[in-house]
Amino acid sequence: MKTGNRFILICTIFALVVLLVSAAEAQRFGGMAGGSMGKSTLISNGPKGPIHGGESAVTDMILMDDGWVYGSTEATWGAKRCHLFRTNGDSLEHVQCYS
């Protein structure tokens, strides 16, 4: 193998390794593109709302075709209920409660 071809092969392998490692690292730490998250939404809306503290640990979220992001919560800190909610970025709506 010629020296020039060997150099190109080594550089290609190095670039692939760097690409694979950086993608795995981003997935591990929840890497997101800059500016992809515009604001945060408070899920627990106090004692008067349907989702209380201890019931607001978000476990799953999915973006649906209707433009809403649906999510679920898990009961923590001794709470007994979990919830389904949805948000469009401007408002948060409680969908259902499970005991």
C-alpha atoms as a PDB file:
ATOM      1  CA  MET A   1       0.000   0.000   0.000  1.00  0.00           C
ATOM      2  CA  LYS A   2       1.330   3.419  -0.924  1.00  0.00           C
ATOM      3  CA  THR A   3       2.067   5.964   1.790  1.00  0.00           C
ATOM      4  CA  GLY A   4      -0.571   8.398   0.452  1.00  0.00           C
ATOM      5  CA  ASN A   5      -3.279   5.742   0.461  1.00  0.00           C
ATOM      6  CA  ARG A   6      -2.293   4.627   3.957  1.00  0.00           C
ATOM      7  CA  PHE A   7      -2.547   8.226   5.217  1.00  0.00           C
ATOM      8  CA  ILE A   8      -6.017   8.647   3.677  1.00  0.00           C
ATOM      9  CA  LEU A   9      -7.158   5.356   5.231  1.00  0.00           C
ATOM     10  CA  ILE A  10      -5.881   6.348   8.693  1.00  0.00           C
ATOM     11  CA  CYS A  11      -7.534   9.779   8.455  1.00  0.00           C
ATOM     12  CA  THR A  12     -10.834   8.200   7.366  1.00  0.00           C
ATOM     13  CA  ILE A  13     -10.785   5.706  10.233  1.00  0.00           C
ATOM     14  CA  PHE A  14      -9.944   8.484  12.711  1.00  0.00           C
ATOM     15  CA  ALA A  15     -12.829  10.660  11.429  1.00  0.00           C
ATOM     16  CA  LEU A  16     -15.283   7.749  11.717  1.00  0.00           C
ATOM     17  CA  VAL A  17     -14.183   6.989  15.275  1.00  0.00           C
ATOM     18  CA  VAL A  18     -14.559  10.649  16.295  1.00  0.00           C
ATOM     19  CA  LEU A  19     -18.017  10.812  14.669  1.00  0.00           C
ATOM     20  CA  LEU A  20     -19.234   7.630  16.393  1.00  0.00           C
ATOM     21  CA  VAL A  21     -17.875   8.626  19.805  1.00  0.00           C
ATOM     22  CA  SER A  22     -19.379  12.133  19.657  1.00  0.00           C
ATOM     23  CA  ALA A  23     -22.799  10.774  18.623  1.00  0.00           C
ATOM     24  CA  ALA A  24     -22.752   8.233  21.457  1.00  0.00           C
ATOM     25  CA  GLU A  25     -21.689  10.938  23.927  1.00  0.00           C
ATOM     26  CA  ALA A  26     -24.508  13.260  22.831  1.00  0.00           C
ATOM     27  CA  GLN A  27     -27.078  10.487  23.238  1.00  0.00           C
ATOM     28  CA  ARG A  28     -25.763   9.581  26.660  1.00  0.00           C
ATOM     29  CA  PHE A  29     -26.076  13.121  27.997  1.00  0.00           C
ATOM     30  CA  GLY A  30     -29.229  14.108  26.108  1.00  0.00           C
ATOM     31  CA  GLY A  31     -27.436  16.232  23.538  1.00  0.00           C
ATOM     32  CA  MET A  32     -29.654  18.697  21.731  1.00  0.00           C
ATOM     33  CA  ALA A  33     -28.996  21.178  18.993  1.00  0.00           C
ATOM     34  CA  GLY A  34     -28.426  24.719  20.238  1.00  0.00           C
ATOM     35  CA  GLY A  35     -31.624  26.752  20.456  1.00  0.00           C
ATOM     36  CA  SER A  36     -33.853  23.682  20.121  1.00  0.00           C
ATOM     37  CA  MET A  37     -35.469  24.313  23.493  1.00  0.00           C
ATOM     38  CA  GLY A  38     -37.026  27.717  23.801  1.00  0.00           C
ATOM     39  CA  LYS A  39     -38.463  27.640  27.305  1.00  0.00           C
ATOM     40  CA  SER A  40     -39.342  25.399  30.200  1.00  0.00           C
ATOM     41  CA  THR A  41     -42.835  24.609  31.450  1.00  0.00           C
ATOM     42  CA  LEU A  42     -43.816  24.114  35.080  1.00  0.00           C
ATOM     43  CA  ILE A  43     -45.759  20.850  35.282  1.00  0.00           C
ATOM     44  CA  SER A  44     -46.792  21.092  38.934  1.00  0.00           C
ATOM     45  CA  ASN A  45     -49.100  24.060  39.327  1.00  0.00           C
ATOM     46  CA  GLY A  46     -49.421  24.198  43.096  1.00  0.00           C
ATOM     47  CA  PRO A  47     -51.917  22.762  45.565  1.00  0.00           C
ATOM     48  CA  LYS A  48     -54.949  24.142  43.683  1.00  0.00           C
ATOM     49  CA  GLY A  49     -54.080  22.501  40.364  1.00  0.00           C
ATOM     50  CA  PRO A  50     -54.560  18.882  39.293  1.00  0.00           C
ATOM     51  CA  ILE A  51     -50.831  17.996  39.310  1.00  0.00           C
ATOM     52  CA  HIS A  52     -49.223  18.462  42.720  1.00  0.00           C
ATOM     53  CA  GLY A  53     -45.615  18.282  43.827  1.00  0.00           C
ATOM     54  CA  GLY A  54     -44.536  14.660  44.171  1.00  0.00           C
ATOM     55  CA  GLU A  55     -46.751  13.805  41.197  1.00  0.00           C
ATOM     56  CA  SER A  56     -44.869  15.884  38.647  1.00  0.00           C
ATOM     57  CA  ALA A  57     -41.775  13.847  37.759  1.00  0.00           C
ATOM     58  CA  VAL A  58     -42.013  13.723  33.946  1.00  0.00           C
ATOM     59  CA  THR A  59     -41.140  10.269  32.613  1.00  0.00           C
ATOM     60  CA  ASP A  60     -42.147  10.376  28.940  1.00  0.00           C
ATOM     61  CA  MET A  61     -42.967  12.942  26.277  1.00  0.00           C
ATOM     62  CA  ILE A  62     -44.004  12.535  22.647  1.00  0.00           C
ATOM     63  CA  LEU A  63     -44.784  15.049  19.895  1.00  0.00           C
ATOM     64  CA  MET A  64     -48.012  14.173  18.073  1.00  0.00           C
ATOM     65  CA  ASP A  65     -49.313  15.190  14.638  1.00  0.00           C
ATOM     66  CA  ASP A  66     -51.757  17.664  16.197  1.00  0.00           C
ATOM     67  CA  GLY A  67     -48.814  19.837  17.330  1.00  0.00           C
ATOM     68  CA  TRP A  68     -49.176  19.027  21.036  1.00  0.00           C
ATOM     69  CA  VAL A  69     -46.490  17.366  23.132  1.00  0.00           C
ATOM     70  CA  TYR A  70     -48.102  14.729  25.352  1.00  0.00           C
ATOM     71  CA  GLY A  71     -46.357  13.648  28.537  1.00  0.00           C
ATOM     72  CA  SER A  72     -46.781  11.475  31.584  1.00  0.00           C
ATOM     73  CA  THR A  73     -45.679  11.889  35.172  1.00  0.00           C
ATOM     74  CA  GLU A  74     -44.670   9.461  37.895  1.00  0.00           C
ATOM     75  CA  ALA A  75     -45.598   9.582  41.567  1.00  0.00           C
ATOM     76  CA  THR A  76     -42.558  10.243  43.774  1.00  0.00           C
ATOM     77  CA  TRP A  77     -41.924  11.370  47.355  1.00  0.00           C
ATOM     78  CA  GLY A  78     -44.779   9.233  48.713  1.00  0.00           C
ATOM     79  CA  ALA A  79     -47.408  10.519  46.264  1.00  0.00           C
ATOM     80  CA  LYS A  80     -49.902   8.021  44.853  1.00  0.00           C
ATOM     81  CA  ARG A  81     -51.132   9.560  41.575  1.00  0.00           C
ATOM     82  CA  CYS A  82     -49.627   9.964  38.122  1.00  0.00           C
ATOM     83  CA  HIS A  83     -50.915  12.116  35.272  1.00  0.00           C
ATOM     84  CA  LEU A  84     -51.161  12.573  31.529  1.00  0.00           C
ATOM     85  CA  PHE A  85     -50.757  16.140  30.278  1.00  0.00           C
ATOM     86  CA  ARG A  86     -50.203  17.994  27.044  1.00  0.00           C
ATOM     87  CA  THR A  87     -48.546  21.265  26.109  1.00  0.00           C
ATOM     88  CA  ASN A  88     -48.147  23.284  22.951  1.00  0.00           C
ATOM     89  CA  GLY A  89     -45.426  25.483  24.404  1.00  0.00           C
ATOM     90  CA  ASP A  90     -47.816  28.249  25.434  1.00  0.00           C
ATOM     91  CA  SER A  91     -50.252  26.363  27.636  1.00  0.00           C
ATOM     92  CA  LEU A  92     -50.358  23.193  29.696  1.00  0.00           C
ATOM     93  CA  GLU A  93     -53.491  21.044  29.880  1.00  0.00           C
ATOM     94  CA  HIS A  94     -54.196  18.188  32.275  1.00  0.00           C
ATOM     95  CA  VAL A  95     -55.574  15.195  30.351  1.00  0.00           C
ATOM     96  CA  GLN A  96     -56.091  12.397  32.876  1.00  0.00           C
ATOM     97  CA  CYS A  97     -55.142  11.219  36.375  1.00  0.00           C
ATOM     98  CA  TYR A  98     -54.351   7.654  37.490  1.00  0.00           C
ATOM     99  CA  SER A  99     -54.252   6.499  41.098  1.00  0.00           C
END
